[in-house]
């Protein structure tokens, strides 16, 4: 599942590789991952846009590690 690969890249801090994957994924999980990629990049306006597309609240403290962990859990749940 490509979103799983994107999560692995996000965990490593490689937002560019994750972005290349998620920009092709219009699902809510893909949009959430896209938002996290922009958080890692430091592009907060773009991150907010993708969080809205994912129907997720934008994290007030922008804790990317917590967001990545939550996304990983959601991806795992979606695949089982």
PDB file of N, CA and C in Angstrom:
ATOM      1  N   UNK A   1       0.852  -1.189   0.000  1.00  0.00           N
ATOM      2  CA  UNK A   1       0.000   0.000   0.000  1.00  0.00           C
ATOM      3  C   UNK A   1       0.892   1.245   0.000  1.00  0.00           C
ATOM      4  N   UNK A   2       0.770   2.105  -1.001  1.00  0.00           N
ATOM      5  CA  UNK A   2       1.649   3.281  -1.092  1.00  0.00           C
ATOM      6  C   UNK A   2       1.609   4.186   0.135  1.00  0.00           C
ATOM      7  N   UNK A   3       0.447   4.300   0.791  1.00  0.00           N
ATOM      8  CA  UNK A   3       0.369   5.175   1.955  1.00  0.00           C
ATOM      9  C   UNK A   3       1.293   4.666   3.063  1.00  0.00           C
ATOM     10  N   UNK A   4       1.438   3.347   3.172  1.00  0.00           N
ATOM     11  CA  UNK A   4       2.361   2.777   4.160  1.00  0.00           C
ATOM     12  C   UNK A   4       3.798   3.181   3.868  1.00  0.00           C
ATOM     13  N   UNK A   5       4.153   3.208   2.610  1.00  0.00           N
ATOM     14  CA  UNK A   5       5.499   3.651   2.217  1.00  0.00           C
ATOM     15  C   UNK A   5       5.672   5.130   2.557  1.00  0.00           C
ATOM     16  N   UNK A   6       4.641   5.912   2.313  1.00  0.00           N
ATOM     17  CA  UNK A   6       4.709   7.341   2.643  1.00  0.00           C
ATOM     18  C   UNK A   6       4.909   7.529   4.143  1.00  0.00           C
ATOM     19  N   UNK A   7       4.214   6.734   4.960  1.00  0.00           N
ATOM     20  CA  UNK A   7       4.373   6.829   6.418  1.00  0.00           C
ATOM     21  C   UNK A   7       5.816   6.508   6.804  1.00  0.00           C
ATOM     22  N   UNK A   8       6.385   5.508   6.199  1.00  0.00           N
ATOM     23  CA  UNK A   8       7.800   5.174   6.509  1.00  0.00           C
ATOM     24  C   UNK A   8       8.723   6.346   6.186  1.00  0.00           C
ATOM     25  N   UNK A   9       8.483   7.010   5.060  1.00  0.00           N
ATOM     26  CA  UNK A   9       9.298   8.177   4.714  1.00  0.00           C
ATOM     27  C   UNK A   9       9.073   9.318   5.707  1.00  0.00           C
ATOM     28  N   UNK A  10       7.818   9.515   6.122  1.00  0.00           N
ATOM     29  CA  UNK A  10       7.528  10.569   7.099  1.00  0.00           C
ATOM     30  C   UNK A  10       8.250  10.289   8.414  1.00  0.00           C
ATOM     31  N   UNK A  11       8.242   9.041   8.848  1.00  0.00           N
ATOM     32  CA  UNK A  11       8.934   8.671  10.095  1.00  0.00           C
ATOM     33  C   UNK A  11      10.426   9.004  10.024  1.00  0.00           C
ATOM     34  N   UNK A  12      11.004   8.866   8.841  1.00  0.00           N
ATOM     35  CA  UNK A  12      12.428   9.169   8.647  1.00  0.00           C
ATOM     36  C   UNK A  12      12.678  10.656   8.460  1.00  0.00           C
ATOM     37  N   UNK A  13      11.591  11.438   8.359  1.00  0.00           N
ATOM     38  CA  UNK A  13      11.741  12.870   8.138  1.00  0.00           C
ATOM     39  C   UNK A  13      11.940  13.247   6.685  1.00  0.00           C
ATOM     40  N   UNK A  14      11.756  12.285   5.789  1.00  0.00           N
ATOM     41  CA  UNK A  14      11.952  12.534   4.360  1.00  0.00           C
ATOM     42  C   UNK A  14      10.623  12.946   3.727  1.00  0.00           C
ATOM     43  N   UNK A  15      10.273  14.212   3.963  1.00  0.00           N
ATOM     44  CA  UNK A  15       8.981  14.688   3.481  1.00  0.00           C
ATOM     45  C   UNK A  15       8.901  14.720   1.960  1.00  0.00           C
ATOM     46  N   UNK A  16      10.050  14.904   1.279  1.00  0.00           N
ATOM     47  CA  UNK A  16      10.019  14.961  -0.183  1.00  0.00           C
ATOM     48  C   UNK A  16       9.562  13.632  -0.785  1.00  0.00           C
ATOM     49  N   UNK A  17      10.116  12.518  -0.292  1.00  0.00           N
ATOM     50  CA  UNK A  17       9.713  11.209  -0.821  1.00  0.00           C
ATOM     51  C   UNK A  17       8.260  10.909  -0.463  1.00  0.00           C
ATOM     52  N   UNK A  18       7.864  11.253   0.767  1.00  0.00           N
ATOM     53  CA  UNK A  18       6.471  11.044   1.169  1.00  0.00           C
ATOM     54  C   UNK A  18       5.545  11.876   0.297  1.00  0.00           C
ATOM     55  N   UNK A  19       5.929  13.109   0.047  1.00  0.00           N
ATOM     56  CA  UNK A  19       5.108  14.014  -0.761  1.00  0.00           C
ATOM     57  C   UNK A  19       4.897  13.466  -2.166  1.00  0.00           C
ATOM     58  N   UNK A  20       5.951  12.902  -2.740  1.00  0.00           N
ATOM     59  CA  UNK A  20       5.844  12.352  -4.094  1.00  0.00           C
ATOM     60  C   UNK A  20       4.781  11.252  -4.162  1.00  0.00           C
ATOM     61  N   UNK A  21       4.609  10.524  -3.074  1.00  0.00           N
ATOM     62  CA  UNK A  21       3.611   9.450  -3.028  1.00  0.00           C
ATOM     63  C   UNK A  21       2.219  10.015  -2.778  1.00  0.00           C
ATOM     64  N   UNK A  22       2.096  10.856  -1.752  1.00  0.00           N
ATOM     65  CA  UNK A  22       0.756  11.286  -1.329  1.00  0.00           C
ATOM     66  C   UNK A  22       0.114  12.308  -2.262  1.00  0.00           C
ATOM     67  N   UNK A  23       0.901  12.975  -3.083  1.00  0.00           N
ATOM     68  CA  UNK A  23       0.271  13.923  -3.996  1.00  0.00           C
ATOM     69  C   UNK A  23      -0.573  13.216  -5.043  1.00  0.00           C
ATOM     70  N   UNK A  24      -0.435  11.902  -5.143  1.00  0.00           N
ATOM     71  CA  UNK A  24      -1.252  11.102  -6.057  1.00  0.00           C
ATOM     72  C   UNK A  24      -2.427  10.425  -5.341  1.00  0.00           C
ATOM     73  N   UNK A  25      -2.548  10.638  -4.017  1.00  0.00           N
ATOM     74  CA  UNK A  25      -3.550   9.940  -3.201  1.00  0.00           C
ATOM     75  C   UNK A  25      -4.578  10.944  -2.690  1.00  0.00           C
ATOM     76  N   UNK A  26      -5.795  10.877  -3.204  1.00  0.00           N
ATOM     77  CA  UNK A  26      -6.856  11.817  -2.837  1.00  0.00           C
ATOM     78  C   UNK A  26      -7.701  11.331  -1.655  1.00  0.00           C
ATOM     79  N   UNK A  27      -7.352  10.158  -1.078  1.00  0.00           N
ATOM     80  CA  UNK A  27      -8.117   9.642   0.054  1.00  0.00           C
ATOM     81  C   UNK A  27      -7.899  10.533   1.282  1.00  0.00           C
ATOM     82  N   UNK A  28      -8.749  10.360   2.304  1.00  0.00           N
ATOM     83  CA  UNK A  28      -8.569  11.150   3.523  1.00  0.00           C
ATOM     84  C   UNK A  28      -7.222  10.853   4.168  1.00  0.00           C
ATOM     85  N   UNK A  29      -6.818   9.578   4.183  1.00  0.00           N
ATOM     86  CA  UNK A  29      -5.508   9.248   4.756  1.00  0.00           C
ATOM     87  C   UNK A  29      -4.386   9.875   3.930  1.00  0.00           C
ATOM     88  N   UNK A  30      -4.543   9.861   2.619  1.00  0.00           N
ATOM     89  CA  UNK A  30      -3.544  10.484   1.753  1.00  0.00           C
ATOM     90  C   UNK A  30      -3.457  11.982   1.980  1.00  0.00           C
ATOM     91  N   UNK A  31      -4.605  12.623   2.146  1.00  0.00           N
ATOM     92  CA  UNK A  31      -4.616  14.064   2.412  1.00  0.00           C
ATOM     93  C   UNK A  31      -3.991  14.377   3.765  1.00  0.00           C
ATOM     94  N   UNK A  32      -4.268  13.535   4.759  1.00  0.00           N
ATOM     95  CA  UNK A  32      -3.665  13.712   6.077  1.00  0.00           C
ATOM     96  C   UNK A  32      -2.139  13.588   5.970  1.00  0.00           C
ATOM     97  N   UNK A  33      -1.674  12.542   5.284  1.00  0.00           N
ATOM     98  CA  UNK A  33      -0.234  12.364   5.088  1.00  0.00           C
ATOM     99  C   UNK A  33       0.361  13.548   4.335  1.00  0.00           C
ATOM    100  N   UNK A  34      -0.376  14.071   3.366  1.00  0.00           N
ATOM    101  CA  UNK A  34       0.072  15.227   2.590  1.00  0.00           C
ATOM    102  C   UNK A  34       0.240  16.428   3.527  1.00  0.00           C
ATOM    103  N   UNK A  35      -0.727  16.609   4.433  1.00  0.00           N
ATOM    104  CA  UNK A  35      -0.626  17.688   5.414  1.00  0.00           C
ATOM    105  C   UNK A  35       0.582  17.536   6.317  1.00  0.00           C
ATOM    106  N   UNK A  36       0.844  16.316   6.747  1.00  0.00           N
ATOM    107  CA  UNK A  36       2.013  16.071   7.603  1.00  0.00           C
ATOM    108  C   UNK A  36       3.306  16.359   6.836  1.00  0.00           C
ATOM    109  N   UNK A  37       3.342  15.973   5.565  1.00  0.00           N
ATOM    110  CA  UNK A  37       4.534  16.262   4.754  1.00  0.00           C
ATOM    111  C   UNK A  37       4.805  17.764   4.735  1.00  0.00           C
ATOM    112  N   UNK A  38       3.748  18.557   4.588  1.00  0.00           N
ATOM    113  CA  UNK A  38       3.936  20.011   4.575  1.00  0.00           C
ATOM    114  C   UNK A  38       4.273  20.555   5.967  1.00  0.00           C
ATOM    115  N   UNK A  39       3.805  19.893   7.018  1.00  0.00           N
ATOM    116  CA  UNK A  39       4.241  20.272   8.372  1.00  0.00           C
ATOM    117  C   UNK A  39       5.751  20.094   8.497  1.00  0.00           C
ATOM    118  N   UNK A  40       6.238  18.928   8.057  1.00  0.00           N
ATOM    119  CA  UNK A  40       7.677  18.659   8.125  1.00  0.00           C
ATOM    120  C   UNK A  40       8.464  19.662   7.286  1.00  0.00           C
ATOM    121  N   UNK A  41       7.885  20.041   6.166  1.00  0.00           N
ATOM    122  CA  UNK A  41       8.535  21.006   5.275  1.00  0.00           C
ATOM    123  C   UNK A  41       8.571  22.394   5.904  1.00  0.00           C
ATOM    124  N   UNK A  42       7.596  22.676   6.782  1.00  0.00           N
ATOM    125  CA  UNK A  42       7.487  24.003   7.375  1.00  0.00           C
ATOM    126  C   UNK A  42       6.520  24.909   6.644  1.00  0.00           C
ATOM    127  N   UNK A  43       5.750  24.347   5.710  1.00  0.00           N
ATOM    128  CA  UNK A  43       4.771  25.109   4.930  1.00  0.00           C
ATOM    129  C   UNK A  43       3.408  24.974   5.617  1.00  0.00           C
ATOM    130  N   UNK A  44       3.178  25.775   6.660  1.00  0.00           N
ATOM    131  CA  UNK A  44       1.970  25.638   7.471  1.00  0.00           C
ATOM    132  C   UNK A  44       0.682  25.975   6.723  1.00  0.00           C
ATOM    133  N   UNK A  45       0.649  27.014   5.884  1.00  0.00           N
ATOM    134  CA  UNK A  45      -0.596  27.263   5.142  1.00  0.00           C
ATOM    135  C   UNK A  45      -1.005  26.069   4.261  1.00  0.00           C
ATOM    136  N   UNK A  46      -0.055  25.469   3.590  1.00  0.00           N
ATOM    137  CA  UNK A  46      -0.350  24.309   2.747  1.00  0.00           C
ATOM    138  C   UNK A  46      -0.750  23.118   3.613  1.00  0.00           C
ATOM    139  N   UNK A  47      -0.087  22.940   4.748  1.00  0.00           N
ATOM    140  CA  UNK A  47      -0.439  21.854   5.671  1.00  0.00           C
ATOM    141  C   UNK A  47      -1.884  22.015   6.139  1.00  0.00           C
ATOM    142  N   UNK A  48      -2.287  23.235   6.485  1.00  0.00           N
ATOM    143  CA  UNK A  48      -3.667  23.473   6.926  1.00  0.00           C
ATOM    144  C   UNK A  48      -4.674  23.101   5.830  1.00  0.00           C
ATOM    145  N   UNK A  49      -4.335  23.452   4.603  1.00  0.00           N
ATOM    146  CA  UNK A  49      -5.205  23.107   3.474  1.00  0.00           C
ATOM    147  C   UNK A  49      -5.423  21.595   3.413  1.00  0.00           C
ATOM    148  N   UNK A  50      -4.354  20.811   3.505  1.00  0.00           N
ATOM    149  CA  UNK A  50      -4.473  19.355   3.389  1.00  0.00           C
ATOM    150  C   UNK A  50      -5.161  18.747   4.599  1.00  0.00           C
ATOM    151  N   UNK A  51      -4.990  19.336   5.765  1.00  0.00           N
ATOM    152  CA  UNK A  51      -5.735  18.869   6.938  1.00  0.00           C
ATOM    153  C   UNK A  51      -7.231  19.089   6.733  1.00  0.00           C
ATOM    154  N   UNK A  52      -7.591  20.230   6.163  1.00  0.00           N
ATOM    155  CA  UNK A  52      -9.009  20.462   5.856  1.00  0.00           C
ATOM    156  C   UNK A  52      -9.525  19.415   4.875  1.00  0.00           C
ATOM    157  N   UNK A  53      -8.761  19.124   3.843  1.00  0.00           N
ATOM    158  CA  UNK A  53      -9.150  18.105   2.858  1.00  0.00           C
ATOM    159  C   UNK A  53      -9.303  16.728   3.504  1.00  0.00           C
ATOM    160  N   UNK A  54      -8.518  16.492   4.561  1.00  0.00           N
ATOM    161  CA  UNK A  54      -8.568  15.203   5.264  1.00  0.00           C
ATOM    162  C   UNK A  54      -9.664  15.170   6.330  1.00  0.00           C
ATOM    163  N   UNK A  55     -10.354  16.307   6.506  1.00  0.00           N
ATOM    164  CA  UNK A  55     -11.374  16.432   7.558  1.00  0.00           C
ATOM    165  C   UNK A  55     -10.767  16.172   8.937  1.00  0.00           C
ATOM    166  N   UNK A  56      -9.584  16.738   9.175  1.00  0.00           N
ATOM    167  CA  UNK A  56      -8.866  16.586  10.439  1.00  0.00           C
ATOM    168  C   UNK A  56      -8.604  17.960  11.023  1.00  0.00           C
ATOM    169  N   UNK A  57      -8.624  18.019  12.348  1.00  0.00           N
ATOM    170  CA  UNK A  57      -8.267  19.264  13.031  1.00  0.00           C
ATOM    171  C   UNK A  57      -6.761  19.476  12.896  1.00  0.00           C
ATOM    172  N   UNK A  58      -6.390  20.715  12.613  1.00  0.00           N
ATOM    173  CA  UNK A  58      -4.964  21.029  12.496  1.00  0.00           C
ATOM    174  C   UNK A  58      -4.349  20.999  13.893  1.00  0.00           C
ATOM    175  N   UNK A  59      -3.230  20.290  14.064  1.00  0.00           N
ATOM    176  CA  UNK A  59      -2.628  20.187  15.397  1.00  0.00           C
ATOM    177  C   UNK A  59      -2.082  21.541  15.862  1.00  0.00           C
ATOM    178  N   UNK A  60      -2.527  21.978  17.018  1.00  0.00           N
ATOM    179  CA  UNK A  60      -2.134  23.300  17.512  1.00  0.00           C
ATOM    180  C   UNK A  60      -0.636  23.406  17.797  1.00  0.00           C
ATOM    181  N   UNK A  61      -0.032  22.316  18.262  1.00  0.00           N
ATOM    182  CA  UNK A  61       1.396  22.378  18.579  1.00  0.00           C
ATOM    183  C   UNK A  61       2.267  21.835  17.449  1.00  0.00           C
ATOM    184  N   UNK A  62       1.631  21.415  16.347  1.00  0.00           N
ATOM    185  CA  UNK A  62       2.348  20.896  15.173  1.00  0.00           C
ATOM    186  C   UNK A  62       3.354  19.815  15.558  1.00  0.00           C
ATOM    187  N   UNK A  63       2.940  18.909  16.460  1.00  0.00           N
ATOM    188  CA  UNK A  63       3.789  17.792  16.892  1.00  0.00           C
ATOM    189  C   UNK A  63       3.769  16.720  15.804  1.00  0.00           C
ATOM    190  N   UNK A  64       4.729  16.793  14.918  1.00  0.00           N
ATOM    191  CA  UNK A  64       4.716  15.898  13.760  1.00  0.00           C
ATOM    192  C   UNK A  64       4.867  14.440  14.154  1.00  0.00           C
ATOM    193  N   UNK A  65       5.659  14.137  15.182  1.00  0.00           N
ATOM    194  CA  UNK A  65       5.844  12.736  15.562  1.00  0.00           C
ATOM    195  C   UNK A  65       4.539  12.115  16.048  1.00  0.00           C
ATOM    196  N   UNK A  66       3.759  12.870  16.820  1.00  0.00           N
ATOM    197  CA  UNK A  66       2.454  12.364  17.273  1.00  0.00           C
ATOM    198  C   UNK A  66       1.510  12.198  16.088  1.00  0.00           C
ATOM    199  N   UNK A  67       1.539  13.133  15.172  1.00  0.00           N
ATOM    200  CA  UNK A  67       0.687  13.044  13.986  1.00  0.00           C
ATOM    201  C   UNK A  67       1.061  11.835  13.130  1.00  0.00           C
ATOM    202  N   UNK A  68       2.352  11.611  12.953  1.00  0.00           N
ATOM    203  CA  UNK A  68       2.805  10.464  12.156  1.00  0.00           C
ATOM    204  C   UNK A  68       2.388   9.167  12.833  1.00  0.00           C
ATOM    205  N   UNK A  69       2.524   9.090  14.158  1.00  0.00           N
ATOM    206  CA  UNK A  69       2.122   7.884  14.893  1.00  0.00           C
ATOM    207  C   UNK A  69       0.617   7.646  14.750  1.00  0.00           C
ATOM    208  N   UNK A  70      -0.179   8.707  14.847  1.00  0.00           N
ATOM    209  CA  UNK A  70      -1.633   8.570  14.702  1.00  0.00           C
ATOM    210  C   UNK A  70      -1.994   8.130  13.280  1.00  0.00           C
ATOM    211  N   UNK A  71      -1.326   8.707  12.293  1.00  0.00           N
ATOM    212  CA  UNK A  71      -1.561   8.316  10.905  1.00  0.00           C
ATOM    213  C   UNK A  71      -1.193   6.856  10.699  1.00  0.00           C
ATOM    214  N   UNK A  72      -0.051   6.434  11.228  1.00  0.00           N
ATOM    215  CA  UNK A  72       0.375   5.041  11.086  1.00  0.00           C
ATOM    216  C   UNK A  72      -0.672   4.098  11.675  1.00  0.00           C
ATOM    217  N   UNK A  73      -1.228   4.464  12.829  1.00  0.00           N
ATOM    218  CA  UNK A  73      -2.275   3.648  13.429  1.00  0.00           C
ATOM    219  C   UNK A  73      -3.522   3.579  12.564  1.00  0.00           C
ATOM    220  N   UNK A  74      -3.897   4.701  11.980  1.00  0.00           N
ATOM    221  CA  UNK A  74      -5.075   4.752  11.117  1.00  0.00           C
ATOM    222  C   UNK A  74      -4.851   3.928   9.851  1.00  0.00           C
ATOM    223  N   UNK A  75      -3.645   3.996   9.302  1.00  0.00           N
ATOM    224  CA  UNK A  75      -3.333   3.214   8.093  1.00  0.00           C
ATOM    225  C   UNK A  75      -3.385   1.735   8.434  1.00  0.00           C
ATOM    226  N   UNK A  76      -2.830   1.361   9.580  1.00  0.00           N
ATOM    227  CA  UNK A  76      -2.838  -0.060   9.988  1.00  0.00           C
ATOM    228  C   UNK A  76      -4.270  -0.542  10.165  1.00  0.00           C
ATOM    229  N   UNK A  77      -5.099   0.266  10.811  1.00  0.00           N
ATOM    230  CA  UNK A  77      -6.502  -0.104  11.026  1.00  0.00           C
ATOM    231  C   UNK A  77      -7.241  -0.248   9.696  1.00  0.00           C
ATOM    232  N   UNK A  78      -6.918   0.600   8.743  1.00  0.00           N
ATOM    233  CA  UNK A  78      -7.597   0.576   7.437  1.00  0.00           C
ATOM    234  C   UNK A  78      -7.211  -0.638   6.611  1.00  0.00           C
ATOM    235  N   UNK A  79      -6.081  -1.228   6.902  1.00  0.00           N
ATOM    236  CA  UNK A  79      -5.606  -2.360   6.113  1.00  0.00           C
ATOM    237  C   UNK A  79      -5.928  -3.707   6.764  1.00  0.00           C
ATOM    238  N   UNK A  80      -6.557  -3.671   7.918  1.00  0.00           N
ATOM    239  CA  UNK A  80      -6.921  -4.934   8.590  1.00  0.00           C
ATOM    240  C   UNK A  80      -8.399  -5.132   8.662  1.00  0.00           C
TER     241      UNK A  80
END
